Amino acid sequence: MRLPTSGREPDVLFVAREHLDRVLFTRVEGPADLVVEIVSPESRVRDRGEKFYEYQEGGVGEYWLIEPDTRRAEFYQLDPDGIYQLVLPDAAGVYRSRAMDGLWVRVAWLWQEPLPQVNQVMLEIDGAAYAQRLIADLTDAGFLPS
C-alpha cells in the first residue's frame, strides 16, 4: 500500500468498492479503508509507532491492532479531523467496523481455543445471507437440486 510518506505491506487490508481504482496490479495506490496488523514482539514498536502515524496521516480510515501474545485488540477510526480515535467494543464485547458495513467481530473469538469455525462465525454475523450463499454454492456444485 503506497501512502504519501511511505509504502507498507499490512497483514490484512480492505479496499471498499468505491475505492477500487486504488488497486493496481502490484500495489494499492493510496490508503486502504481498513488495515489490520497482527502485532508480534518484534513488530510492536513499528506497528504502534511508525505505521500508526503513517496510516493516520495517509488517510487509512480504520486501523486494527491485534496482539495475540497479550490478548489485546485495539480498534482505531479516523475522526473528522483525520486523527485516530480508539473505539471500544460494546458491552457484549463486539466491535463494529465503520469501513466494512455489516462487519463486526466478537473480540473473545480472537483468543478462543480452539478458534471458532468459520461457518459458525459467518452464521452469527449474517446468518440469512451466509445461509443463502451456502445453499447457492451447494446447488451450483450439484449437491442440491436447482
C-alpha atoms as a PDB file:
ATOM      1  CA  MET A   1       0.000   0.000   0.000  1.00  0.00           C
ATOM      2  CA  ARG A   2       1.601   3.227  -1.130  1.00  0.00           C
ATOM      3  CA  LEU A   3       0.915   6.292   1.007  1.00  0.00           C
ATOM      4  CA  PRO A   4       2.300   9.818   0.535  1.00  0.00           C
ATOM      5  CA  THR A   5       5.157   9.264   3.005  1.00  0.00           C
ATOM      6  CA  SER A   6       5.700   5.506   2.829  1.00  0.00           C
ATOM      7  CA  GLY A   7       4.931   2.141   1.359  1.00  0.00           C
ATOM      8  CA  ARG A   8       3.706  -0.645   3.652  1.00  0.00           C
ATOM      9  CA  GLU A   9       2.532  -4.237   3.412  1.00  0.00           C
ATOM     10  CA  PRO A  10      -0.172  -4.634   6.063  1.00  0.00           C
ATOM     11  CA  ASP A  11      -1.060  -8.094   7.314  1.00  0.00           C
ATOM     12  CA  VAL A  12      -4.650  -7.596   6.110  1.00  0.00           C
ATOM     13  CA  LEU A  13      -6.239  -4.751   4.193  1.00  0.00           C
ATOM     14  CA  PHE A  14      -9.657  -3.973   2.768  1.00  0.00           C
ATOM     15  CA  VAL A  15     -10.452  -1.542  -0.028  1.00  0.00           C
ATOM     16  CA  ALA A  16     -14.101  -0.546  -0.436  1.00  0.00           C
ATOM     17  CA  ARG A  17     -15.808  -0.936  -3.784  1.00  0.00           C
ATOM     18  CA  GLU A  18     -15.905   2.848  -4.277  1.00  0.00           C
ATOM     19  CA  HIS A  19     -12.091   2.938  -3.961  1.00  0.00           C
ATOM     20  CA  LEU A  20     -11.224   0.011  -6.245  1.00  0.00           C
ATOM     21  CA  ASP A  21      -9.470   2.450  -8.600  1.00  0.00           C
ATOM     22  CA  ARG A  22      -6.676   2.483  -5.980  1.00  0.00           C
ATOM     23  CA  VAL A  23      -5.999  -1.230  -6.510  1.00  0.00           C
ATOM     24  CA  LEU A  24      -3.309  -1.734  -9.136  1.00  0.00           C
ATOM     25  CA  PHE A  25      -1.612  -4.939 -10.245  1.00  0.00           C
ATOM     26  CA  THR A  26       1.327  -4.633  -7.849  1.00  0.00           C
ATOM     27  CA  ARG A  27       0.032  -2.341  -5.098  1.00  0.00           C
ATOM     28  CA  VAL A  28      -2.709  -0.264  -3.594  1.00  0.00           C
ATOM     29  CA  GLU A  29      -2.073   3.351  -4.594  1.00  0.00           C
ATOM     30  CA  GLY A  30      -3.384   5.345  -1.663  1.00  0.00           C
ATOM     31  CA  PRO A  31      -4.971   4.349   1.607  1.00  0.00           C
ATOM     32  CA  ALA A  32      -6.916   1.174   2.209  1.00  0.00           C
ATOM     33  CA  ASP A  33     -10.207   1.643   4.019  1.00  0.00           C
ATOM     34  CA  LEU A  34      -9.251  -0.853   6.722  1.00  0.00           C
ATOM     35  CA  VAL A  35      -5.852  -2.171   7.794  1.00  0.00           C
ATOM     36  CA  VAL A  36      -5.234  -4.947  10.314  1.00  0.00           C
ATOM     37  CA  GLU A  37      -1.812  -5.577  11.811  1.00  0.00           C
ATOM     38  CA  ILE A  38      -1.088  -8.703  13.848  1.00  0.00           C
ATOM     39  CA  VAL A  39       1.391  -7.410  16.398  1.00  0.00           C
ATOM     40  CA  SER A  40       4.350  -9.548  17.428  1.00  0.00           C
ATOM     41  CA  PRO A  41       7.045  -8.668  19.961  1.00  0.00           C
ATOM     42  CA  GLU A  42       9.381  -7.756  17.084  1.00  0.00           C
ATOM     43  CA  SER A  43       6.808  -5.541  15.325  1.00  0.00           C
ATOM     44  CA  ARG A  44       5.249  -3.845  18.380  1.00  0.00           C
ATOM     45  CA  VAL A  45       7.218  -0.587  18.096  1.00  0.00           C
ATOM     46  CA  ARG A  46       6.778  -0.409  14.312  1.00  0.00           C
ATOM     47  CA  ASP A  47       3.022  -1.217  14.357  1.00  0.00           C
ATOM     48  CA  ARG A  48       2.178   1.096  17.275  1.00  0.00           C
ATOM     49  CA  GLY A  49       4.571   3.852  16.250  1.00  0.00           C
ATOM     50  CA  GLU A  50       5.678   4.290  12.647  1.00  0.00           C
ATOM     51  CA  LYS A  51       2.755   2.532  10.989  1.00  0.00           C
ATOM     52  CA  PHE A  52       0.153   4.056  13.310  1.00  0.00           C
ATOM     53  CA  TYR A  53       1.174   7.597  12.337  1.00  0.00           C
ATOM     54  CA  GLU A  54       1.791   6.775   8.671  1.00  0.00           C
ATOM     55  CA  TYR A  55      -1.656   5.194   8.345  1.00  0.00           C
ATOM     56  CA  GLN A  56      -3.278   8.096  10.182  1.00  0.00           C
ATOM     57  CA  GLU A  57      -1.538  10.714   8.029  1.00  0.00           C
ATOM     58  CA  GLY A  58      -2.152   8.657   4.887  1.00  0.00           C
ATOM     59  CA  GLY A  59      -5.896   8.504   5.484  1.00  0.00           C
ATOM     60  CA  VAL A  60      -6.430   4.823   6.340  1.00  0.00           C
ATOM     61  CA  GLY A  61      -9.936   5.081   7.775  1.00  0.00           C
ATOM     62  CA  GLU A  62      -9.744   2.228  10.224  1.00  0.00           C
ATOM     63  CA  TYR A  63      -6.748   0.533  11.875  1.00  0.00           C
ATOM     64  CA  TRP A  64      -6.896  -2.617  13.979  1.00  0.00           C
ATOM     65  CA  LEU A  65      -4.005  -3.758  16.179  1.00  0.00           C
ATOM     66  CA  ILE A  66      -4.321  -7.395  17.236  1.00  0.00           C
ATOM     67  CA  GLU A  67      -1.789  -8.682  19.792  1.00  0.00           C
ATOM     68  CA  PRO A  68      -2.062 -12.450  20.300  1.00  0.00           C
ATOM     69  CA  ASP A  69       0.711 -12.530  22.950  1.00  0.00           C
ATOM     70  CA  THR A  70      -1.111 -10.139  25.274  1.00  0.00           C
ATOM     71  CA  ARG A  71      -4.638 -10.941  24.054  1.00  0.00           C
ATOM     72  CA  ARG A  72      -5.176  -7.303  23.290  1.00  0.00           C
ATOM     73  CA  ALA A  73      -7.187  -5.847  20.417  1.00  0.00           C
ATOM     74  CA  GLU A  74      -7.445  -2.144  19.670  1.00  0.00           C
ATOM     75  CA  PHE A  75      -9.634  -0.545  17.032  1.00  0.00           C
ATOM     76  CA  TYR A  76      -8.981   2.964  15.737  1.00  0.00           C
ATOM     77  CA  GLN A  77     -11.112   5.067  13.413  1.00  0.00           C
ATOM     78  CA  LEU A  78     -10.223   8.395  11.839  1.00  0.00           C
ATOM     79  CA  ASP A  79     -12.290  11.257  13.202  1.00  0.00           C
ATOM     80  CA  PRO A  80     -13.371  14.225  11.023  1.00  0.00           C
ATOM     81  CA  ASP A  81     -10.043  15.947  11.780  1.00  0.00           C
ATOM     82  CA  GLY A  82      -8.048  12.948  10.495  1.00  0.00           C
ATOM     83  CA  ILE A  83      -6.935  11.793  13.966  1.00  0.00           C
ATOM     84  CA  TYR A  84      -7.293   8.187  15.112  1.00  0.00           C
ATOM     85  CA  GLN A  85      -9.703   7.680  17.966  1.00  0.00           C
ATOM     86  CA  LEU A  86      -9.785   4.449  19.950  1.00  0.00           C
ATOM     87  CA  VAL A  87     -13.184   2.776  19.578  1.00  0.00           C
ATOM     88  CA  LEU A  88     -14.042   0.251  22.260  1.00  0.00           C
ATOM     89  CA  PRO A  89     -16.159  -2.861  21.746  1.00  0.00           C
ATOM     90  CA  ASP A  90     -19.701  -2.608  23.084  1.00  0.00           C
ATOM     91  CA  ALA A  91     -20.891  -4.109  26.377  1.00  0.00           C
ATOM     92  CA  ALA A  92     -21.254  -7.524  24.707  1.00  0.00           C
ATOM     93  CA  GLY A  93     -17.608  -7.418  23.560  1.00  0.00           C
ATOM     94  CA  VAL A  94     -18.480  -6.723  19.920  1.00  0.00           C
ATOM     95  CA  TYR A  95     -16.597  -4.262  17.729  1.00  0.00           C
ATOM     96  CA  ARG A  96     -18.429  -2.966  14.648  1.00  0.00           C
ATOM     97  CA  SER A  97     -16.392  -1.811  11.681  1.00  0.00           C
ATOM     98  CA  ARG A  98     -17.168   1.530  10.093  1.00  0.00           C
ATOM     99  CA  ALA A  99     -15.100   0.703   6.987  1.00  0.00           C
ATOM    100  CA  MET A 100     -16.983  -2.513   6.143  1.00  0.00           C
ATOM    101  CA  ASP A 101     -20.708  -2.172   6.588  1.00  0.00           C
ATOM    102  CA  GLY A 102     -22.072  -5.189   8.439  1.00  0.00           C
ATOM    103  CA  LEU A 103     -18.674  -6.473   9.608  1.00  0.00           C
ATOM    104  CA  TRP A 104     -18.311  -6.996  13.305  1.00  0.00           C
ATOM    105  CA  VAL A 105     -16.169  -9.190  15.485  1.00  0.00           C
ATOM    106  CA  ARG A 106     -16.735 -10.602  18.930  1.00  0.00           C
ATOM    107  CA  VAL A 107     -13.300  -9.876  20.413  1.00  0.00           C
ATOM    108  CA  ALA A 108     -13.357 -13.060  22.527  1.00  0.00           C
ATOM    109  CA  TRP A 109     -13.310 -15.064  19.265  1.00  0.00           C
ATOM    110  CA  LEU A 110      -9.743 -13.892  18.693  1.00  0.00           C
ATOM    111  CA  TRP A 111      -8.483 -15.731  21.784  1.00  0.00           C
ATOM    112  CA  GLN A 112     -10.915 -18.663  21.825  1.00  0.00           C
ATOM    113  CA  GLU A 113      -9.282 -22.108  21.868  1.00  0.00           C
ATOM    114  CA  PRO A 114      -9.930 -23.761  19.592  1.00  0.00           C
ATOM    115  CA  LEU A 115     -10.841 -20.891  17.316  1.00  0.00           C
ATOM    116  CA  PRO A 116     -14.497 -20.879  16.286  1.00  0.00           C
ATOM    117  CA  GLN A 117     -15.370 -22.490  12.986  1.00  0.00           C
ATOM    118  CA  VAL A 118     -15.684 -20.061  10.063  1.00  0.00           C
ATOM    119  CA  ASN A 119     -19.226 -21.250   9.316  1.00  0.00           C
ATOM    120  CA  GLN A 120     -20.304 -20.608  12.919  1.00  0.00           C
ATOM    121  CA  VAL A 121     -18.882 -17.095  12.868  1.00  0.00           C
ATOM    122  CA  MET A 122     -20.381 -16.239   9.476  1.00  0.00           C
ATOM    123  CA  LEU A 123     -23.795 -17.551  10.509  1.00  0.00           C
ATOM    124  CA  GLU A 124     -23.689 -15.403  13.640  1.00  0.00           C
ATOM    125  CA  ILE A 125     -22.567 -12.280  11.774  1.00  0.00           C
ATOM    126  CA  ASP A 126     -25.139 -12.516   8.957  1.00  0.00           C
ATOM    127  CA  GLY A 127     -26.915 -15.841   9.171  1.00  0.00           C
ATOM    128  CA  ALA A 128     -29.539 -15.389   6.467  1.00  0.00           C
ATOM    129  CA  ALA A 129     -27.173 -14.044   3.788  1.00  0.00           C
ATOM    130  CA  TYR A 130     -24.500 -16.621   4.595  1.00  0.00           C
ATOM    131  CA  ALA A 131     -27.006 -19.489   4.590  1.00  0.00           C
ATOM    132  CA  GLN A 132     -28.281 -18.358   1.183  1.00  0.00           C
ATOM    133  CA  ARG A 133     -24.735 -18.319  -0.148  1.00  0.00           C
ATOM    134  CA  LEU A 134     -24.043 -21.815   1.199  1.00  0.00           C
ATOM    135  CA  ILE A 135     -27.238 -23.111  -0.420  1.00  0.00           C
ATOM    136  CA  ALA A 136     -26.304 -21.452  -3.731  1.00  0.00           C
ATOM    137  CA  ASP A 137     -22.797 -22.928  -3.580  1.00  0.00           C
ATOM    138  CA  LEU A 138     -24.145 -26.413  -2.829  1.00  0.00           C
ATOM    139  CA  THR A 139     -26.688 -26.066  -5.655  1.00  0.00           C
ATOM    140  CA  ASP A 140     -24.001 -24.906  -8.102  1.00  0.00           C
ATOM    141  CA  ALA A 141     -21.814 -27.838  -7.087  1.00  0.00           C
ATOM    142  CA  GLY A 142     -24.673 -30.258  -7.783  1.00  0.00           C
ATOM    143  CA  PHE A 143     -25.226 -31.342  -4.169  1.00  0.00           C
ATOM    144  CA  LEU A 144     -28.711 -29.792  -4.075  1.00  0.00           C
ATOM    145  CA  PRO A 145     -31.354 -29.710  -6.813  1.00  0.00           C
ATOM    146  CA  SER A 146     -31.719 -26.428  -8.659  1.00  0.00           C
END
